[in-house]
Amino acid sequence: MDTIWFEVLVIILSTFLAVVLLLTIALLIKTLQIVKLVKKITEHAEQVADRADHMSSFFEKTATPVAFMKLISNLTEVFQKKGKK
C-alpha cells in the first residue's frame, strides 16, 4: 500500500518539476530577447546623443561668425535707410 503512494508522489513531483523547468526555460528565453532589445535601443539612443553633441558643437563654433555677419547686415541696413532719407 505504501509503495503505491510513493509512486503517485513521485509522478506528481516529477510532473511538477517538468512544468517548472519548461516555464523557467521559456522565461529565460524571453528575458534574453528583452535584453537584446534593450541593448539595441540603448545603442540607438547613444547614436542620437552623439549626433546631438556634434550638432551642438557645430552651432557653438559657427555662432560667433553668424552673429558677426548678422551685425554687419543690420549695420548696412541702418546705413542704407539713413542714406535714403
PDB file of N, CA and C in Angstrom:
ATOM      1  N   MET A   1       0.816  -1.190   0.000  1.00  0.00           N
ATOM      2  CA  MET A   1       0.000   0.000   0.000  1.00  0.00           C
ATOM      3  C   MET A   1       0.864   1.260   0.000  1.00  0.00           C
ATOM      4  N   ASP A   2       1.953   1.233   0.755  1.00  0.00           N
ATOM      5  CA  ASP A   2       2.815   2.410   0.830  1.00  0.00           C
ATOM      6  C   ASP A   2       3.543   2.662  -0.483  1.00  0.00           C
ATOM      7  N   THR A   3       3.883   1.616  -1.205  1.00  0.00           N
ATOM      8  CA  THR A   3       4.623   1.818  -2.452  1.00  0.00           C
ATOM      9  C   THR A   3       3.766   2.511  -3.496  1.00  0.00           C
ATOM     10  N   ILE A   4       2.470   2.298  -3.482  1.00  0.00           N
ATOM     11  CA  ILE A   4       1.584   2.959  -4.435  1.00  0.00           C
ATOM     12  C   ILE A   4       1.588   4.466  -4.177  1.00  0.00           C
ATOM     13  N   TRP A   5       1.519   4.871  -2.919  1.00  0.00           N
ATOM     14  CA  TRP A   5       1.527   6.301  -2.580  1.00  0.00           C
ATOM     15  C   TRP A   5       2.876   6.933  -2.931  1.00  0.00           C
ATOM     16  N   PHE A   6       3.938   6.169  -2.753  1.00  0.00           N
ATOM     17  CA  PHE A   6       5.252   6.699  -3.132  1.00  0.00           C
ATOM     18  C   PHE A   6       5.334   6.886  -4.645  1.00  0.00           C
ATOM     19  N   GLU A   7       4.800   5.963  -5.410  1.00  0.00           N
ATOM     20  CA  GLU A   7       4.796   6.083  -6.859  1.00  0.00           C
ATOM     21  C   GLU A   7       3.938   7.271  -7.307  1.00  0.00           C
ATOM     22  N   VAL A   8       2.791   7.439  -6.672  1.00  0.00           N
ATOM     23  CA  VAL A   8       1.931   8.576  -7.002  1.00  0.00           C
ATOM     24  C   VAL A   8       2.642   9.882  -6.666  1.00  0.00           C
ATOM     25  N   LEU A   9       3.289   9.920  -5.511  1.00  0.00           N
ATOM     26  CA  LEU A   9       4.027  11.121  -5.104  1.00  0.00           C
ATOM     27  C   LEU A   9       5.168  11.419  -6.070  1.00  0.00           C
ATOM     28  N   VAL A  10       5.886  10.392  -6.508  1.00  0.00           N
ATOM     29  CA  VAL A  10       6.987  10.582  -7.461  1.00  0.00           C
ATOM     30  C   VAL A  10       6.438  11.100  -8.790  1.00  0.00           C
ATOM     31  N   ILE A  11       5.321  10.587  -9.252  1.00  0.00           N
ATOM     32  CA  ILE A  11       4.728  11.042 -10.509  1.00  0.00           C
ATOM     33  C   ILE A  11       4.293  12.501 -10.391  1.00  0.00           C
ATOM     34  N   ILE A  12       3.651  12.852  -9.296  1.00  0.00           N
ATOM     35  CA  ILE A  12       3.209  14.237  -9.103  1.00  0.00           C
ATOM     36  C   ILE A  12       4.396  15.179  -9.047  1.00  0.00           C
ATOM     37  N   LEU A  13       5.405  14.832  -8.283  1.00  0.00           N
ATOM     38  CA  LEU A  13       6.587  15.697  -8.160  1.00  0.00           C
ATOM     39  C   LEU A  13       7.356  15.801  -9.466  1.00  0.00           C
ATOM     40  N   SER A  14       7.478  14.719 -10.195  1.00  0.00           N
ATOM     41  CA  SER A  14       8.209  14.775 -11.468  1.00  0.00           C
ATOM     42  C   SER A  14       7.432  15.609 -12.493  1.00  0.00           C
ATOM     43  N   THR A  15       6.112  15.534 -12.486  1.00  0.00           N
ATOM     44  CA  THR A  15       5.302  16.361 -13.374  1.00  0.00           C
ATOM     45  C   THR A  15       5.459  17.832 -13.011  1.00  0.00           C
ATOM     46  N   PHE A  16       5.392  18.123 -11.724  1.00  0.00           N
ATOM     47  CA  PHE A  16       5.569  19.499 -11.263  1.00  0.00           C
ATOM     48  C   PHE A  16       6.952  20.024 -11.639  1.00  0.00           C
ATOM     49  N   LEU A  17       7.980  19.217 -11.473  1.00  0.00           N
ATOM     50  CA  LEU A  17       9.345  19.610 -11.828  1.00  0.00           C
ATOM     51  C   LEU A  17       9.458  19.876 -13.329  1.00  0.00           C
ATOM     52  N   ALA A  18       8.845  19.037 -14.158  1.00  0.00           N
ATOM     53  CA  ALA A  18       8.899  19.228 -15.604  1.00  0.00           C
ATOM     54  C   ALA A  18       8.220  20.539 -15.992  1.00  0.00           C
ATOM     55  N   VAL A  19       7.075  20.841 -15.384  1.00  0.00           N
ATOM     56  CA  VAL A  19       6.371  22.090 -15.682  1.00  0.00           C
ATOM     57  C   VAL A  19       7.205  23.292 -15.263  1.00  0.00           C
ATOM     58  N   VAL A  20       7.793  23.229 -14.088  1.00  0.00           N
ATOM     59  CA  VAL A  20       8.627  24.334 -13.603  1.00  0.00           C
ATOM     60  C   VAL A  20       9.841  24.529 -14.507  1.00  0.00           C
ATOM     61  N   LEU A  21      10.468  23.457 -14.940  1.00  0.00           N
ATOM     62  CA  LEU A  21      11.618  23.575 -15.835  1.00  0.00           C
ATOM     63  C   LEU A  21      11.221  24.188 -17.177  1.00  0.00           C
ATOM     64  N   LEU A  22      10.102  23.781 -17.738  1.00  0.00           N
ATOM     65  CA  LEU A  22       9.649  24.353 -19.003  1.00  0.00           C
ATOM     66  C   LEU A  22       9.337  25.840 -18.865  1.00  0.00           C
ATOM     67  N   LEU A  23       8.679  26.206 -17.784  1.00  0.00           N
ATOM     68  CA  LEU A  23       8.378  27.629 -17.555  1.00  0.00           C
ATOM     69  C   LEU A  23       9.651  28.439 -17.348  1.00  0.00           C
ATOM     70  N   THR A  24      10.614  27.882 -16.649  1.00  0.00           N
ATOM     71  CA  THR A  24      11.886  28.575 -16.416  1.00  0.00           C
ATOM     72  C   THR A  24      12.640  28.790 -17.729  1.00  0.00           C
ATOM     73  N   ILE A  25      12.645  27.776 -18.574  1.00  0.00           N
ATOM     74  CA  ILE A  25      13.324  27.897 -19.866  1.00  0.00           C
ATOM     75  C   ILE A  25      12.634  28.955 -20.723  1.00  0.00           C
ATOM     76  N   ALA A  26      11.313  28.963 -20.757  1.00  0.00           N
ATOM     77  CA  ALA A  26      10.584  29.964 -21.536  1.00  0.00           C
ATOM     78  C   ALA A  26      10.843  31.367 -20.996  1.00  0.00           C
ATOM     79  N   LEU A  27      10.864  31.506 -19.680  1.00  0.00           N
ATOM     80  CA  LEU A  27      11.138  32.805 -19.070  1.00  0.00           C
ATOM     81  C   LEU A  27      12.559  33.267 -19.380  1.00  0.00           C
ATOM     82  N   LEU A  28      13.507  32.360 -19.363  1.00  0.00           N
ATOM     83  CA  LEU A  28      14.890  32.702 -19.684  1.00  0.00           C
ATOM     84  C   LEU A  28      15.022  33.161 -21.133  1.00  0.00           C
ATOM     85  N   ILE A  29      14.348  32.497 -22.038  1.00  0.00           N
ATOM     86  CA  ILE A  29      14.399  32.890 -23.456  1.00  0.00           C
ATOM     87  C   ILE A  29      13.805  34.282 -23.641  1.00  0.00           C
ATOM     88  N   LYS A  30      12.659  34.537 -23.026  1.00  0.00           N
ATOM     89  CA  LYS A  30      12.042  35.864 -23.141  1.00  0.00           C
ATOM     90  C   LYS A  30      12.923  36.942 -22.522  1.00  0.00           C
ATOM     91  N   THR A  31      13.569  36.638 -21.409  1.00  0.00           N
ATOM     92  CA  THR A  31      14.461  37.601 -20.768  1.00  0.00           C
ATOM     93  C   THR A  31      15.631  37.945 -21.681  1.00  0.00           C
ATOM     94  N   LEU A  32      16.197  36.950 -22.335  1.00  0.00           N
ATOM     95  CA  LEU A  32      17.303  37.205 -23.259  1.00  0.00           C
ATOM     96  C   LEU A  32      16.838  38.055 -24.441  1.00  0.00           C
ATOM     97  N   GLN A  33      15.630  37.821 -24.942  1.00  0.00           N
ATOM     98  CA  GLN A  33      15.103  38.641 -26.035  1.00  0.00           C
ATOM     99  C   GLN A  33      14.924  40.084 -25.587  1.00  0.00           C
ATOM    100  N   ILE A  34      14.438  40.280 -24.391  1.00  0.00           N
ATOM    101  CA  ILE A  34      14.254  41.639 -23.868  1.00  0.00           C
ATOM    102  C   ILE A  34      15.596  42.332 -23.686  1.00  0.00           C
ATOM    103  N   VAL A  35      16.591  41.604 -23.203  1.00  0.00           N
ATOM    104  CA  VAL A  35      17.927  42.190 -23.013  1.00  0.00           C
ATOM    105  C   VAL A  35      18.511  42.625 -24.358  1.00  0.00           C
ATOM    106  N   LYS A  36      18.336  41.800 -25.393  1.00  0.00           N
ATOM    107  CA  LYS A  36      18.835  42.177 -26.721  1.00  0.00           C
ATOM    108  C   LYS A  36      18.128  43.427 -27.236  1.00  0.00           C
ATOM    109  N   LEU A  37      16.823  43.500 -27.011  1.00  0.00           N
ATOM    110  CA  LEU A  37      16.058  44.664 -27.451  1.00  0.00           C
ATOM    111  C   LEU A  37      16.495  45.928 -26.717  1.00  0.00           C
ATOM    112  N   VAL A  38      16.707  45.818 -25.418  1.00  0.00           N
ATOM    113  CA  VAL A  38      17.158  46.970 -24.630  1.00  0.00           C
ATOM    114  C   VAL A  38      18.547  47.408 -25.086  1.00  0.00           C
ATOM    115  N   LYS A  39      19.399  46.454 -25.398  1.00  0.00           N
ATOM    116  CA  LYS A  39      20.744  46.789 -25.875  1.00  0.00           C
ATOM    117  C   LYS A  39      20.663  47.546 -27.203  1.00  0.00           C
ATOM    118  N   LYS A  40      19.790  47.100 -28.095  1.00  0.00           N
ATOM    119  CA  LYS A  40      19.637  47.776 -29.381  1.00  0.00           C
ATOM    120  C   LYS A  40      19.100  49.197 -29.184  1.00  0.00           C
ATOM    121  N   ILE A  41      18.154  49.352 -28.274  1.00  0.00           N
ATOM    122  CA  ILE A  41      17.577  50.676 -28.015  1.00  0.00           C
ATOM    123  C   ILE A  41      18.625  51.614 -27.419  1.00  0.00           C
ATOM    124  N   THR A  42      19.439  51.121 -26.485  1.00  0.00           N
ATOM    125  CA  THR A  42      20.459  51.979 -25.884  1.00  0.00           C
ATOM    126  C   THR A  42      21.532  52.364 -26.899  1.00  0.00           C
ATOM    127  N   GLU A  43      21.873  51.452 -27.806  1.00  0.00           N
ATOM    128  CA  GLU A  43      22.847  51.802 -28.842  1.00  0.00           C
ATOM    129  C   GLU A  43      22.294  52.899 -29.747  1.00  0.00           C
ATOM    130  N   HIS A  44      21.019  52.792 -30.087  1.00  0.00           N
ATOM    131  CA  HIS A  44      20.393  53.828 -30.921  1.00  0.00           C
ATOM    132  C   HIS A  44      20.338  55.162 -30.174  1.00  0.00           C
ATOM    133  N   ALA A  45      20.027  55.115 -28.884  1.00  0.00           N
ATOM    134  CA  ALA A  45      19.986  56.347 -28.088  1.00  0.00           C
ATOM    135  C   ALA A  45      21.375  56.977 -27.999  1.00  0.00           C
ATOM    136  N   GLU A  46      22.407  56.162 -27.899  1.00  0.00           N
ATOM    137  CA  GLU A  46      23.769  56.692 -27.864  1.00  0.00           C
ATOM    138  C   GLU A  46      24.120  57.370 -29.190  1.00  0.00           C
ATOM    139  N   GLN A  47      23.694  56.777 -30.305  1.00  0.00           N
ATOM    140  CA  GLN A  47      23.954  57.383 -31.611  1.00  0.00           C
ATOM    141  C   GLN A  47      23.251  58.729 -31.729  1.00  0.00           C
ATOM    142  N   VAL A  48      22.018  58.787 -31.262  1.00  0.00           N
ATOM    143  CA  VAL A  48      21.271  60.047 -31.314  1.00  0.00           C
ATOM    144  C   VAL A  48      21.945  61.101 -30.442  1.00  0.00           C
ATOM    145  N   ALA A  49      22.397  60.685 -29.259  1.00  0.00           N
ATOM    146  CA  ALA A  49      23.074  61.624 -28.362  1.00  0.00           C
ATOM    147  C   ALA A  49      24.384  62.115 -28.983  1.00  0.00           C
ATOM    148  N   ASP A  50      25.102  61.235 -29.649  1.00  0.00           N
ATOM    149  CA  ASP A  50      26.345  61.650 -30.310  1.00  0.00           C
ATOM    150  C   ASP A  50      26.062  62.648 -31.426  1.00  0.00           C
ATOM    151  N   ARG A  51      25.009  62.394 -32.196  1.00  0.00           N
ATOM    152  CA  ARG A  51      24.654  63.337 -33.266  1.00  0.00           C
ATOM    153  C   ARG A  51      24.273  64.696 -32.698  1.00  0.00           C
ATOM    154  N   ALA A  52      23.522  64.679 -31.610  1.00  0.00           N
ATOM    155  CA  ALA A  52      23.128  65.940 -30.981  1.00  0.00           C
ATOM    156  C   ALA A  52      24.355  66.672 -30.448  1.00  0.00           C
ATOM    157  N   ASP A  53      25.296  65.932 -29.917  1.00  0.00           N
ATOM    158  CA  ASP A  53      26.529  66.545 -29.416  1.00  0.00           C
ATOM    159  C   ASP A  53      27.321  67.173 -30.561  1.00  0.00           C
ATOM    160  N   HIS A  54      27.414  66.466 -31.676  1.00  0.00           N
ATOM    161  CA  HIS A  54      28.131  67.019 -32.830  1.00  0.00           C
ATOM    162  C   HIS A  54      27.433  68.265 -33.362  1.00  0.00           C
ATOM    163  N   MET A  55      26.108  68.237 -33.397  1.00  0.00           N
ATOM    164  CA  MET A  55      25.384  69.406 -33.887  1.00  0.00           C
ATOM    165  C   MET A  55      25.559  70.595 -32.951  1.00  0.00           C
ATOM    166  N   SER A  56      25.527  70.349 -31.649  1.00  0.00           N
ATOM    167  CA  SER A  56      25.686  71.462 -30.712  1.00  0.00           C
ATOM    168  C   SER A  56      27.094  72.050 -30.801  1.00  0.00           C
ATOM    169  N   SER A  57      28.085  71.196 -30.975  1.00  0.00           N
ATOM    170  CA  SER A  57      29.443  71.735 -31.117  1.00  0.00           C
ATOM    171  C   SER A  57      29.579  72.502 -32.436  1.00  0.00           C
ATOM    172  N   PHE A  58      28.905  72.043 -33.488  1.00  0.00           N
ATOM    173  CA  PHE A  58      28.924  72.775 -34.757  1.00  0.00           C
ATOM    174  C   PHE A  58      28.298  74.154 -34.590  1.00  0.00           C
ATOM    175  N   PHE A  59      27.118  74.214 -33.953  1.00  0.00           N
ATOM    176  CA  PHE A  59      26.474  75.501 -33.741  1.00  0.00           C
ATOM    177  C   PHE A  59      27.287  76.395 -32.812  1.00  0.00           C
ATOM    178  N   GLU A  60      27.960  75.788 -31.877  1.00  0.00           N
ATOM    179  CA  GLU A  60      28.801  76.564 -30.964  1.00  0.00           C
ATOM    180  C   GLU A  60      29.951  77.212 -31.739  1.00  0.00           C
ATOM    181  N   LYS A  61      30.526  76.474 -32.672  1.00  0.00           N
ATOM    182  CA  LYS A  61      31.634  77.007 -33.462  1.00  0.00           C
ATOM    183  C   LYS A  61      31.171  78.061 -34.462  1.00  0.00           C
ATOM    184  N   THR A  62      29.968  77.902 -34.997  1.00  0.00           N
ATOM    185  CA  THR A  62      29.502  78.834 -36.021  1.00  0.00           C
ATOM    186  C   THR A  62      28.672  79.976 -35.463  1.00  0.00           C
ATOM    187  N   ALA A  63      28.391  79.959 -34.182  1.00  0.00           N
ATOM    188  CA  ALA A  63      27.536  81.006 -33.602  1.00  0.00           C
ATOM    189  C   ALA A  63      28.196  82.376 -33.696  1.00  0.00           C
ATOM    190  N   THR A  64      29.468  82.458 -33.419  1.00  0.00           N
ATOM    191  CA  THR A  64      30.162  83.742 -33.447  1.00  0.00           C
ATOM    192  C   THR A  64      30.222  84.318 -34.865  1.00  0.00           C
ATOM    193  N   PRO A  65      30.627  83.565 -35.876  1.00  0.00           N
ATOM    194  CA  PRO A  65      30.631  84.145 -37.224  1.00  0.00           C
ATOM    195  C   PRO A  65      29.235  84.532 -37.713  1.00  0.00           C
ATOM    196  N   VAL A  66      28.237  83.735 -37.366  1.00  0.00           N
ATOM    197  CA  VAL A  66      26.871  84.061 -37.799  1.00  0.00           C
ATOM    198  C   VAL A  66      26.409  85.340 -37.117  1.00  0.00           C
ATOM    199  N   ALA A  67      26.688  85.484 -35.841  1.00  0.00           N
ATOM    200  CA  ALA A  67      26.301  86.701 -35.113  1.00  0.00           C
ATOM    201  C   ALA A  67      27.021  87.911 -35.693  1.00  0.00           C
ATOM    202  N   PHE A  68      28.286  87.742 -36.033  1.00  0.00           N
ATOM    203  CA  PHE A  68      29.054  88.837 -36.628  1.00  0.00           C
ATOM    204  C   PHE A  68      28.463  89.235 -37.978  1.00  0.00           C
ATOM    205  N   MET A  69      28.108  88.258 -38.796  1.00  0.00           N
ATOM    206  CA  MET A  69      27.510  88.552 -40.101  1.00  0.00           C
ATOM    207  C   MET A  69      26.142  89.213 -39.928  1.00  0.00           C
ATOM    208  N   LYS A  70      25.388  88.802 -38.940  1.00  0.00           N
ATOM    209  CA  LYS A  70      24.085  89.415 -38.666  1.00  0.00           C
ATOM    210  C   LYS A  70      24.279  90.879 -38.254  1.00  0.00           C
ATOM    211  N   LEU A  71      25.289  91.146 -37.437  1.00  0.00           N
ATOM    212  CA  LEU A  71      25.587  92.513 -37.013  1.00  0.00           C
ATOM    213  C   LEU A  71      25.949  93.378 -38.214  1.00  0.00           C
ATOM    214  N   ILE A  72      26.789  92.861 -39.076  1.00  0.00           N
ATOM    215  CA  ILE A  72      27.184  93.614 -40.262  1.00  0.00           C
ATOM    216  C   ILE A  72      25.971  93.861 -41.152  1.00  0.00           C
ATOM    217  N   SER A  73      25.114  92.853 -41.308  1.00  0.00           N
ATOM    218  CA  SER A  73      23.914  93.002 -42.116  1.00  0.00           C
ATOM    219  C   SER A  73      22.996  94.075 -41.540  1.00  0.00           C
ATOM    220  N   ASN A  74      22.820  94.073 -40.251  1.00  0.00           N
ATOM    221  CA  ASN A  74      21.982  95.088 -39.604  1.00  0.00           C
ATOM    222  C   ASN A  74      22.562  96.480 -39.767  1.00  0.00           C
ATOM    223  N   LEU A  75      23.881  96.601 -39.609  1.00  0.00           N
ATOM    224  CA  LEU A  75      24.520  97.905 -39.774  1.00  0.00           C
ATOM    225  C   LEU A  75      24.372  98.430 -41.198  1.00  0.00           C
ATOM    226  N   THR A  76      24.536  97.561 -42.183  1.00  0.00           N
ATOM    227  CA  THR A  76      24.393  98.023 -43.562  1.00  0.00           C
ATOM    228  C   THR A  76      22.958  98.446 -43.854  1.00  0.00           C
ATOM    229  N   GLU A  77      21.996  97.731 -43.285  1.00  0.00           N
ATOM    230  CA  GLU A  77      20.602  98.136 -43.478  1.00  0.00           C
ATOM    231  C   GLU A  77      20.337  99.496 -42.844  1.00  0.00           C
ATOM    232  N   VAL A  78      20.909  99.747 -41.658  1.00  0.00           N
ATOM    233  CA  VAL A  78      20.708 101.026 -40.986  1.00  0.00           C
ATOM    234  C   VAL A  78      21.314 102.148 -41.812  1.00  0.00           C
ATOM    235  N   PHE A  79      22.536 101.954 -42.317  1.00  0.00           N
ATOM    236  CA  PHE A  79      23.192 102.986 -43.101  1.00  0.00           C
ATOM    237  C   PHE A  79      22.480 103.218 -44.433  1.00  0.00           C
ATOM    238  N   GLN A  80      21.938 102.152 -45.015  1.00  0.00           N
ATOM    239  CA  GLN A  80      21.206 102.319 -46.273  1.00  0.00           C
ATOM    240  C   GLN A  80      19.915 103.099 -46.050  1.00  0.00           C
ATOM    241  N   LYS A  81      19.228 102.842 -44.937  1.00  0.00           N
ATOM    242  CA  LYS A  81      17.995 103.567 -44.643  1.00  0.00           C
ATOM    243  C   LYS A  81      18.280 105.044 -44.366  1.00  0.00           C
ATOM    244  N   LYS A  82      19.391 105.321 -43.677  1.00  0.00           N
ATOM    245  CA  LYS A  82      19.745 106.722 -43.394  1.00  0.00           C
ATOM    246  C   LYS A  82      20.173 107.416 -44.688  1.00  0.00           C
ATOM    247  N   GLY A  83      20.806 106.687 -45.577  1.00  0.00           N
ATOM    248  CA  GLY A  83      21.245 107.282 -46.835  1.00  0.00           C
ATOM    249  C   GLY A  83      20.064 107.650 -47.727  1.00  0.00           C
ATOM    250  N   LYS A  84      18.986 106.915 -47.652  1.00  0.00           N
ATOM    251  CA  LYS A  84      17.806 107.177 -48.477  1.00  0.00           C
ATOM    252  C   LYS A  84      17.022 108.355 -47.937  1.00  0.00           C
ATOM    253  N   LYS A  85      17.103 108.639 -46.667  1.00  0.00           N
ATOM    254  CA  LYS A  85      16.354 109.747 -46.067  1.00  0.00           C
ATOM    255  C   LYS A  85      17.038 111.008 -46.379  1.00  0.00           C
TER     256      LYS A  85
END
